[in-house]
Amino acid sequence: MNIISFDDITPVAILAFMLLMFISIIIARAGNTLIRRYLDDAAGKRLSKGVARSYQYVIILTALAIGFSTVLKLDLSSIFLSLGIMGLAVAFASQHIIQNAISGVLISIVRPIQLEDWVEVGPIPLNGIGRVKDITLMNTVIRDIDGRIVTVPNTQIMNGKVINYSRGGFTAANIPLWIANVSDLDRITKIVREEADDNPNILPKVSDEGRNAIKSIFERRYVTSIFGHANNLHALSPEINLAEVQGTRARLNIKLWLLEPYRKDEIISTFLKRLTFRFEAEGIELRDP
């Protein structure tokens, strides 16, 4: 078996190796920046970041190979063999690291999430909704709607529960509402639909830009299997269901479909303000839960 010998490595060779790695890192980072600058707008941030990162890895790995074989004059086959022998010991000491690395590779292949997706990660959703800002070999970096940076191990992405709002396209918001008189249900239904139609953030009546986004979402097979085709937008109309009756009061459940789940609180707040104003004007009495 060949043994790696470091006896012939001179201080000059070590300095040359360090200089080579320093230059390669500068070239890799400069190339990464240039690729991102020219491809972010032309090809999108997801593709741009993937190309830039691949370029960076190729430059650094090439520099390492040249440095070991040419500058330090080490036998690469002996290095790989030695690494193989050490691998078993290292594996037991770094199981979590290896699992995260494998999960990082699987994420790039299976792609349950992508850059700029709005997601919620759990075993049950713990972190709240956030946007994927980076996916490294070990971790996924998410920025939540409060501006906090959340670093999630890749094993949690692959083995836990991930809600991907961007892939779903739109999400439902359920609003409980207690009313004083069941006989007002028809009037309430009419008012709710009118207020929802007047709100451009509530489906199905949205802006032209939002309508184009919906059409592209309906092209996804798993969406059409549930809702039908894009010309069937009435499937996203508000739903008002009588959920419970208790003596003189009743609980309604209002279901609204939203295109921007990360603005859910803002949209629902605006909607409820308008709705309560209309109820007061129409003489419709609400009850406490």
Protein backbone atom coordinates (compact mmCIF):
# COMPACT_ATOMS: atom_id res chain seq x y z
CA MET A 1 0.00 0.00 0.00
CA ASN A 2 1.30 3.46 -0.94
CA ILE A 3 1.85 5.79 2.00
CA ILE A 4 1.66 9.55 1.59
CA SER A 5 5.08 11.08 2.22
CA PHE A 6 5.43 14.72 3.16
CA ASP A 7 9.24 14.61 3.49
CA ASP A 8 9.90 16.06 0.04
CA ILE A 9 7.54 19.04 0.46
CA THR A 10 9.55 22.22 0.79
CA PRO A 11 8.44 25.50 2.43
CA VAL A 12 8.54 27.10 -1.02
CA ALA A 13 6.10 24.46 -2.34
CA ILE A 14 3.76 25.06 0.60
CA LEU A 15 3.84 28.82 -0.04
CA ALA A 16 3.20 28.22 -3.74
CA PHE A 17 0.26 25.95 -2.89
CA MET A 18 -1.23 28.57 -0.56
CA LEU A 19 -0.74 31.27 -3.21
CA LEU A 20 -2.44 29.06 -5.82
CA MET A 21 -5.43 28.47 -3.53
CA PHE A 22 -5.63 32.18 -2.66
CA ILE A 23 -5.68 33.15 -6.34
CA SER A 24 -8.21 30.45 -7.21
CA ILE A 25 -10.57 31.65 -4.46
CA ILE A 26 -10.33 35.22 -5.76
CA ILE A 27 -11.02 34.05 -9.34
CA ALA A 28 -13.91 31.87 -8.14
CA ARG A 29 -15.53 34.69 -6.18
CA ALA A 30 -15.00 37.23 -8.96
CA GLY A 31 -16.53 34.84 -11.49
CA ASN A 32 -19.44 34.14 -9.13
CA THR A 33 -20.14 37.87 -8.84
CA LEU A 34 -19.96 38.44 -12.62
CA ILE A 35 -22.22 35.47 -13.38
CA ARG A 36 -24.80 36.67 -10.85
CA ARG A 37 -24.62 40.22 -12.22
CA TYR A 38 -25.29 39.18 -15.83
CA LEU A 39 -27.61 36.19 -15.30
CA ASP A 40 -29.84 37.30 -12.39
CA ASP A 41 -32.10 39.37 -14.64
CA ALA A 42 -31.63 37.39 -17.85
CA ALA A 43 -32.13 33.86 -16.50
CA GLY A 44 -33.56 34.35 -13.00
CA LYS A 45 -31.92 34.14 -9.59
CA ARG A 46 -32.38 30.38 -9.21
CA LEU A 47 -30.51 29.40 -12.40
CA SER A 48 -27.98 32.20 -11.95
CA LYS A 49 -27.05 31.10 -8.45
CA GLY A 50 -26.76 27.46 -9.48
CA VAL A 51 -24.43 28.28 -12.40
CA ALA A 52 -22.33 30.63 -10.27
CA ARG A 53 -21.93 28.07 -7.49
CA SER A 54 -21.02 25.29 -9.95
CA TYR A 55 -18.38 27.55 -11.50
CA GLN A 56 -16.97 28.30 -8.05
CA TYR A 57 -16.73 24.60 -7.13
CA VAL A 58 -15.03 23.70 -10.44
CA ILE A 59 -12.36 26.42 -10.04
CA ILE A 60 -11.51 25.49 -6.45
CA LEU A 61 -11.49 21.71 -7.07
CA THR A 62 -9.29 22.18 -10.15
CA ALA A 63 -6.87 24.33 -8.13
CA LEU A 64 -6.74 21.68 -5.41
CA ALA A 65 -5.97 18.94 -7.92
CA ILE A 66 -3.21 21.02 -9.55
CA GLY A 67 -1.83 22.05 -6.18
CA PHE A 68 -1.56 18.50 -4.81
CA SER A 69 -0.23 16.87 -7.99
CA THR A 70 1.95 19.59 -9.53
CA VAL A 71 2.97 21.99 -6.75
CA LEU A 72 3.24 19.63 -3.77
CA LYS A 73 4.01 16.64 -6.06
CA LEU A 74 1.79 14.28 -4.07
CA ASP A 75 0.32 11.08 -5.48
CA LEU A 76 -3.44 11.71 -5.70
CA SER A 77 -4.24 7.98 -5.72
CA SER A 78 -2.44 7.61 -2.37
CA ILE A 79 -4.38 10.58 -0.99
CA PHE A 80 -7.71 9.08 -2.03
CA LEU A 81 -6.71 5.68 -0.62
CA SER A 82 -5.73 7.23 2.71
CA LEU A 83 -8.96 9.20 2.77
CA GLY A 84 -10.86 5.95 2.17
CA ILE A 85 -9.21 4.31 5.17
CA MET A 86 -9.94 7.32 7.35
CA GLY A 87 -13.47 7.59 5.98
CA LEU A 88 -14.98 4.91 8.22
CA ALA A 89 -13.68 6.55 11.39
CA VAL A 90 -14.77 9.99 10.26
CA ALA A 91 -18.21 8.71 9.25
CA PHE A 92 -19.04 7.56 12.76
CA ALA A 93 -17.89 10.89 14.19
CA SER A 94 -19.84 13.01 11.73
CA GLN A 95 -23.09 11.21 10.99
CA HIS A 96 -25.19 14.38 11.18
CA ILE A 97 -22.83 16.24 8.86
CA ILE A 98 -22.95 13.43 6.31
CA GLN A 99 -26.74 13.18 6.55
CA ASN A 100 -27.09 16.93 5.97
CA ALA A 101 -24.70 16.77 3.00
CA ILE A 102 -26.61 13.86 1.42
CA SER A 103 -29.88 15.70 2.03
CA GLY A 104 -28.40 18.80 0.36
CA VAL A 105 -27.61 16.74 -2.75
CA LEU A 106 -31.10 15.21 -2.72
CA ILE A 107 -32.70 18.66 -2.44
CA SER A 108 -30.87 19.74 -5.60
CA ILE A 109 -32.16 16.61 -7.40
CA VAL A 110 -35.71 16.21 -6.04
CA ARG A 111 -36.20 19.98 -5.60
CA PRO A 112 -38.95 20.02 -2.95
CA ILE A 113 -38.02 23.68 -2.49
CA GLN A 114 -36.21 26.21 -4.66
CA LEU A 115 -34.71 29.66 -4.19
CA GLU A 116 -37.31 32.39 -3.59
CA ASP A 117 -40.07 29.87 -2.70
CA TRP A 118 -42.39 30.80 0.17
CA VAL A 119 -42.31 27.86 2.59
CA GLU A 120 -43.09 26.75 6.10
CA VAL A 121 -40.90 24.07 7.69
CA GLY A 122 -41.70 21.80 10.59
CA PRO A 123 -42.25 18.50 11.69
CA ILE A 124 -45.24 20.74 12.25
CA PRO A 125 -44.78 24.31 10.97
CA LEU A 126 -42.59 25.89 13.63
CA ASN A 127 -40.83 28.75 11.92
CA GLY A 128 -43.77 30.46 10.24
CA ILE A 129 -43.86 31.37 6.59
CA GLY A 130 -40.59 32.52 5.06
CA ARG A 131 -38.75 32.82 1.76
CA VAL A 132 -35.89 30.52 0.74
CA LYS A 133 -32.80 32.70 0.26
CA ASP A 134 -30.06 30.08 -0.02
CA ILE A 135 -29.61 26.30 -0.21
CA THR A 136 -26.10 25.14 0.74
CA LEU A 137 -24.73 21.63 1.03
CA MET A 138 -25.50 21.53 4.76
CA ASN A 139 -28.32 24.00 5.44
CA THR A 140 -31.23 25.88 3.93
CA VAL A 141 -31.43 29.59 4.76
CA ILE A 142 -34.93 31.10 5.10
CA ARG A 143 -35.88 34.72 5.75
CA ASP A 144 -39.22 34.91 7.56
CA ILE A 145 -41.80 37.68 7.18
CA ASP A 146 -40.46 39.37 10.33
CA GLY A 147 -37.03 39.71 8.73
CA ARG A 148 -35.32 36.99 10.78
CA ILE A 149 -32.83 34.64 9.13
CA VAL A 150 -33.64 31.00 9.94
CA THR A 151 -31.03 28.30 9.19
CA VAL A 152 -32.64 24.87 8.79
CA PRO A 153 -30.58 21.63 8.55
CA ASN A 154 -31.15 19.94 5.20
CA THR A 155 -32.18 16.70 6.92
CA GLN A 156 -35.19 18.56 8.32
CA ILE A 157 -36.17 19.63 4.80
CA MET A 158 -35.98 16.06 3.46
CA ASN A 159 -37.35 14.20 6.52
CA GLY A 160 -39.70 16.76 8.05
CA LYS A 161 -42.85 18.53 6.94
CA VAL A 162 -42.45 21.28 4.33
CA ILE A 163 -45.35 23.44 3.13
CA ASN A 164 -44.42 25.03 -0.19
CA TYR A 165 -46.85 27.89 -0.85
CA SER A 166 -45.13 28.89 -4.09
CA ARG A 167 -45.64 25.47 -5.67
CA GLY A 168 -49.27 25.39 -4.52
CA GLY A 169 -49.82 28.76 -6.18
CA PHE A 170 -52.50 30.01 -3.82
CA THR A 171 -53.74 29.20 -0.34
CA ALA A 172 -57.01 29.35 1.57
CA ALA A 173 -57.73 31.54 4.59
CA ASN A 174 -60.54 30.39 6.90
CA ILE A 175 -62.28 33.09 8.95
CA PRO A 176 -64.77 32.13 11.71
CA LEU A 177 -67.66 34.58 12.16
CA TRP A 178 -70.41 34.52 14.80
CA ILE A 179 -73.74 36.14 13.86
CA ALA A 180 -76.84 36.84 15.95
CA ASN A 181 -79.50 35.63 13.52
CA VAL A 182 -79.39 32.71 11.07
CA SER A 183 -82.07 34.41 8.97
CA ASP A 184 -79.39 36.97 7.95
CA LEU A 185 -77.34 34.27 6.22
CA ASP A 186 -78.40 35.15 2.65
CA ARG A 187 -77.67 38.85 3.14
CA ILE A 188 -74.34 38.05 4.80
CA THR A 189 -73.35 35.76 1.94
CA LYS A 190 -74.13 38.50 -0.57
CA ILE A 191 -72.12 41.11 1.39
CA VAL A 192 -69.13 38.81 1.86
CA ARG A 193 -68.98 38.05 -1.87
CA GLU A 194 -69.27 41.73 -2.77
CA GLU A 195 -66.48 42.76 -0.40
CA ALA A 196 -64.26 39.91 -1.60
CA ASP A 197 -64.85 40.90 -5.24
CA ASP A 198 -63.85 44.49 -4.43
CA ASN A 199 -60.55 43.34 -2.92
CA PRO A 200 -57.91 42.77 -5.66
CA ASN A 201 -55.92 40.52 -3.34
CA ILE A 202 -58.71 37.95 -2.98
CA LEU A 203 -59.38 35.41 -5.72
CA PRO A 204 -60.83 34.97 -8.23
CA LYS A 205 -61.15 38.69 -9.12
CA VAL A 206 -57.58 40.00 -9.19
CA SER A 207 -55.45 42.37 -11.25
CA ASP A 208 -54.33 41.53 -14.79
CA GLU A 209 -50.89 40.62 -13.48
CA GLY A 210 -52.44 38.34 -10.89
CA ARG A 211 -54.68 36.74 -13.52
CA ASN A 212 -51.63 35.87 -15.64
CA ALA A 213 -50.01 34.32 -12.57
CA ILE A 214 -53.12 32.22 -11.92
CA LYS A 215 -53.17 30.95 -15.50
CA SER A 216 -49.57 29.77 -15.19
CA ILE A 217 -50.40 28.09 -11.87
CA PHE A 218 -53.34 26.23 -13.43
CA GLU A 219 -50.93 24.75 -15.97
CA ARG A 220 -49.44 22.63 -13.17
CA ARG A 221 -50.87 19.12 -13.28
CA TYR A 222 -51.51 18.76 -9.55
CA VAL A 223 -53.45 22.06 -9.54
CA THR A 224 -55.69 21.19 -12.49
CA SER A 225 -56.42 17.80 -10.91
CA ILE A 226 -58.02 19.63 -7.97
CA PHE A 227 -59.51 22.81 -9.44
CA GLY A 228 -59.83 22.08 -13.16
CA HIS A 229 -58.62 24.40 -15.90
CA ALA A 230 -57.81 28.12 -15.72
CA ASN A 231 -61.18 29.11 -17.20
CA ASN A 232 -62.82 27.48 -14.16
CA LEU A 233 -61.87 30.30 -11.77
CA HIS A 234 -65.23 30.13 -9.98
CA ALA A 235 -63.69 27.19 -8.06
CA LEU A 236 -61.73 29.87 -6.19
CA SER A 237 -64.78 31.94 -5.27
CA PRO A 238 -65.35 32.74 -1.56
CA GLU A 239 -67.28 30.09 0.39
CA ILE A 240 -69.62 30.90 3.28
CA ASN A 241 -70.73 27.83 5.22
CA LEU A 242 -72.93 27.50 8.29
CA ALA A 243 -70.66 25.61 10.70
CA GLU A 244 -72.55 25.67 14.03
CA VAL A 245 -75.82 26.87 15.60
CA GLN A 246 -76.13 27.64 19.33
CA GLY A 247 -79.54 28.92 20.33
CA THR A 248 -79.86 32.46 18.99
CA ARG A 249 -76.42 32.65 17.46
CA ALA A 250 -74.57 30.83 14.68
CA ARG A 251 -70.99 30.36 13.56
CA LEU A 252 -70.11 30.85 9.92
CA ASN A 253 -66.89 29.79 8.24
CA ILE A 254 -65.70 32.11 5.46
CA LYS A 255 -63.14 30.59 3.12
CA LEU A 256 -61.13 32.94 0.90
CA TRP A 257 -58.40 32.07 -1.61
CA LEU A 258 -55.27 34.26 -1.61
CA LEU A 259 -52.52 34.56 -4.21
CA GLU A 260 -49.99 36.02 -1.77
CA PRO A 261 -50.00 33.95 1.45
CA TYR A 262 -47.15 35.99 2.95
CA ARG A 263 -49.56 38.97 3.05
CA LYS A 264 -52.34 36.96 4.65
CA ASP A 265 -52.64 39.04 7.85
CA GLU A 266 -52.72 42.33 5.95
CA ILE A 267 -55.28 41.11 3.39
CA ILE A 268 -57.61 39.58 5.98
CA SER A 269 -57.39 42.68 8.19
CA THR A 270 -58.41 44.96 5.32
CA PHE A 271 -61.22 42.59 4.36
CA LEU A 272 -62.63 42.38 7.90
CA LYS A 273 -62.56 46.14 8.35
CA ARG A 274 -64.63 46.59 5.21
CA LEU A 275 -66.91 43.71 6.16
CA THR A 276 -67.72 44.99 9.66
CA PHE A 277 -68.39 48.45 8.22
CA ARG A 278 -70.91 46.93 5.78
CA PHE A 279 -72.55 44.86 8.53
CA GLU A 280 -73.07 47.96 10.68
CA ALA A 281 -74.56 49.81 7.71
CA GLU A 282 -76.88 46.86 6.96
CA GLY A 283 -77.90 46.40 10.61
CA ILE A 284 -76.41 42.92 10.86
CA GLU A 285 -75.41 42.04 14.41
CA LEU A 286 -72.29 40.05 15.23
CA ARG A 287 -71.82 37.99 18.37
CA ASP A 288 -68.81 37.17 20.53
CA PRO A 289 -67.31 33.69 20.03
